[in-house]
Protein backbone atom coordinates (compact mmCIF):
# COMPACT_ATOMS: atom_id res chain seq x y z
CA MET A 1 11.35 -0.16 33.72
CA ASN A 2 10.07 2.19 36.34
CA ILE A 3 7.34 4.77 35.66
CA PHE A 4 9.73 7.66 35.32
CA ASP A 5 12.01 5.94 32.81
CA ARG A 6 8.85 4.76 30.94
CA ILE A 7 7.31 8.22 30.74
CA LYS A 8 10.68 9.68 29.74
CA GLN A 9 10.99 7.06 26.91
CA ASP A 10 7.62 8.36 25.52
CA HIS A 11 8.77 11.97 25.93
CA ASP A 12 11.91 11.24 23.94
CA ALA A 13 9.89 9.67 21.13
CA ALA A 14 7.60 12.73 21.13
CA ARG A 15 10.47 15.03 20.87
CA GLU A 16 11.84 13.11 17.91
CA VAL A 17 8.49 13.22 16.05
CA ILE A 18 8.14 16.91 16.86
CA GLU A 19 11.51 17.64 15.35
CA LYS A 20 10.63 15.68 12.22
CA LEU A 21 7.38 17.58 11.90
CA LYS A 22 9.07 20.87 12.36
CA ASN A 23 11.45 20.02 9.56
CA THR A 24 8.76 19.23 7.06
CA THR A 25 7.64 21.90 4.52
CA GLU A 26 4.25 22.58 3.15
CA ARG A 27 5.31 20.66 0.02
CA ALA A 28 5.73 17.41 2.11
CA LYS A 29 2.03 17.29 2.73
CA LYS A 30 1.80 13.43 2.80
CA THR A 31 4.78 13.06 5.06
CA ARG A 32 3.53 15.79 7.42
CA GLN A 33 0.10 14.22 7.58
CA GLU A 34 1.55 10.79 8.32
CA LEU A 35 3.83 12.13 11.01
CA PHE A 36 1.07 14.18 12.59
CA ASP A 37 -1.29 11.19 12.65
CA HIS A 38 1.39 9.16 14.37
CA PHE A 39 2.10 11.95 16.90
CA LYS A 40 -1.69 12.58 17.51
CA LEU A 41 -2.31 8.97 18.31
CA ASP A 42 0.77 8.65 20.56
CA MET A 43 -0.16 11.89 22.44
CA TRP A 44 -3.76 10.74 23.13
CA VAL A 45 -2.59 7.32 24.27
CA HIS A 46 0.27 8.67 26.46
CA HIS A 47 -1.92 11.26 28.08
CA LYS A 48 -4.72 8.89 28.97
CA VAL A 49 -2.45 6.12 30.33
CA GLU A 50 -0.26 8.60 32.25
CA GLU A 51 -3.33 10.11 33.84
CA ALA A 52 -4.72 6.77 34.93
CA VAL A 53 -1.44 5.17 36.05
CA PHE A 54 0.61 8.08 37.40
CA TYR A 55 -1.34 11.30 37.95
CA ASP A 56 -4.42 9.72 39.47
CA ILE A 57 -2.34 8.37 42.31
CA LEU A 58 -0.36 11.56 42.76
CA ARG A 59 -3.43 13.83 42.81
CA LYS A 60 -4.67 11.97 45.86
CA THR A 61 -1.62 13.02 47.88
CA LYS A 62 -1.38 16.33 49.74
CA ASP A 63 2.09 17.05 48.32
CA MET A 64 1.39 16.48 44.63
CA HIS A 65 -2.34 17.32 44.26
CA GLY A 66 -1.68 20.76 42.71
CA GLU A 67 1.02 19.63 40.34
CA ALA A 68 -1.02 16.58 39.16
CA MET A 69 -4.08 18.80 38.46
CA GLU A 70 -1.86 21.20 36.49
CA ALA A 71 -0.59 18.31 34.42
CA TYR A 72 -4.14 17.04 33.72
CA ASN A 73 -5.07 20.57 32.56
CA GLU A 74 -2.00 20.72 30.25
CA HIS A 75 -3.08 17.42 28.72
CA HIS A 76 -6.53 18.82 28.21
CA VAL A 77 -5.28 21.90 26.38
CA ALA A 78 -2.79 19.94 24.27
CA ASN A 79 -5.50 17.55 23.25
CA GLY A 80 -7.79 20.44 22.31
CA LEU A 81 -5.04 21.91 20.10
CA ILE A 82 -4.45 18.47 18.53
CA GLU A 83 -8.25 18.37 17.67
CA GLU A 84 -8.12 21.81 16.26
CA LEU A 85 -5.13 20.92 14.07
CA ASP A 86 -7.22 18.16 12.61
CA THR A 87 -9.59 20.81 11.11
CA PHE A 88 -6.91 22.45 8.98
CA PRO A 89 -5.00 21.16 6.03
CA VAL A 90 -1.36 20.38 7.15
CA ASP A 91 -0.03 22.69 4.50
CA SER A 92 -1.95 25.70 5.72
CA GLU A 93 -0.66 28.67 7.66
CA GLU A 94 -3.32 28.10 10.30
CA TRP A 95 -1.98 24.48 10.88
CA HIS A 96 1.54 25.72 11.09
CA VAL A 97 0.77 28.39 13.68
CA LYS A 98 -1.32 26.01 15.88
CA PHE A 99 1.31 23.29 15.64
CA LYS A 100 3.91 25.72 16.87
CA ALA A 101 1.72 26.55 19.86
CA LEU A 102 1.13 22.84 20.49
CA CYS A 103 4.93 22.15 20.34
CA GLU A 104 5.60 25.05 22.90
CA LEU A 105 3.06 23.59 25.20
CA VAL A 106 4.04 19.98 24.96
CA GLU A 107 7.74 20.60 25.24
CA HIS A 108 7.24 22.84 28.24
CA HIS A 109 5.05 20.13 29.82
CA MET A 110 7.58 17.37 29.26
CA ASP A 111 10.47 19.56 30.60
CA GLU A 112 8.52 20.60 33.66
CA GLU A 113 7.40 17.06 34.35
CA GLU A 114 10.99 15.66 34.09
CA GLU A 115 12.73 18.49 35.96
CA ASP A 116 10.17 19.42 38.68
CA PHE A 117 7.39 16.80 38.82
CA PHE A 118 9.53 13.65 38.77
CA PRO A 119 11.89 14.57 41.64
CA GLU A 120 8.96 15.32 43.91
CA ALA A 121 7.08 12.13 42.91
CA ARG A 122 10.19 9.99 43.51
CA LYS A 123 10.16 11.10 47.16
CA LEU A 124 6.61 9.80 47.53
CA LEU A 125 6.83 6.49 45.70
CA ASP A 126 8.98 3.67 46.73
CA LYS A 127 11.02 1.65 44.22
CA GLU A 128 8.44 -1.23 44.19
CA THR A 129 5.57 1.19 43.43
CA GLN A 130 7.61 2.91 40.71
CA ASP A 131 8.34 -0.46 39.01
CA LEU A 132 4.70 -1.59 39.34
CA MET A 133 3.47 1.68 37.79
CA GLY A 134 5.95 1.27 34.96
CA GLU A 135 4.55 -2.23 34.18
CA ARG A 136 1.00 -1.03 34.40
CA PHE A 137 1.86 1.85 32.08
CA ASP A 138 3.17 -0.58 29.44
CA GLN A 139 0.13 -3.00 29.92
CA ARG A 140 -2.46 -0.21 29.57
CA LYS A 141 -0.63 1.59 26.75
CA LYS A 142 -0.89 -1.55 24.60
CA VAL A 143 -4.67 -1.79 25.27
CA VAL A 144 -5.41 1.91 24.74
CA MET A 145 -3.18 1.99 21.57
CA ALA A 146 -5.11 -0.89 20.11
CA ALA A 147 -8.47 0.74 21.01
CA LEU A 148 -7.60 4.04 19.50
CA THR A 149 -5.74 2.92 16.37
CA PRO A 150 -7.95 3.46 13.33
CA LEU A 151 -8.96 0.28 11.49
CA GLU A 152 -7.82 0.01 7.88
CA LEU A 153 -10.81 -1.43 6.15
CA GLU A 154 -9.92 -3.79 3.35
CA ASN A 155 -13.07 -3.38 1.37
CA GLU A 156 -14.13 0.18 1.83
CA PRO A 157 -17.11 1.32 -0.16
CA ALA A 158 -16.10 3.53 -3.15
């Protein structure tokens, strides 16, 4: 799978979780927390791997430097909002307001990437490079996901 299809696959999964989260109520605290924890981990992993495999190459080109730097910045802002969300209970008004802002940012970022960024990047990357980047994305995502997934300790102290 090439890099564009691979990133789009992650975007589609993120959109699905966002919709599920939007449809939870304050009463579904446990479900909302579980969905958010899943979303948070996926976003962190996706951002880091996308930056290393995709943006880092494109930011070195004259044609895509500005767009790549904008995307890095959007990741940084999204990650900051995700960390702020962790400071509020998922059933609070503050959490809901920040989550709405995060959704707007992430949805805008994904749409802009797919509609504007991808067509320009396709012009710069040949098919072989696109495919290699897709493979590297998958390889690195597995490693980063394993590194960032919290360990469930069997015998945690009481």
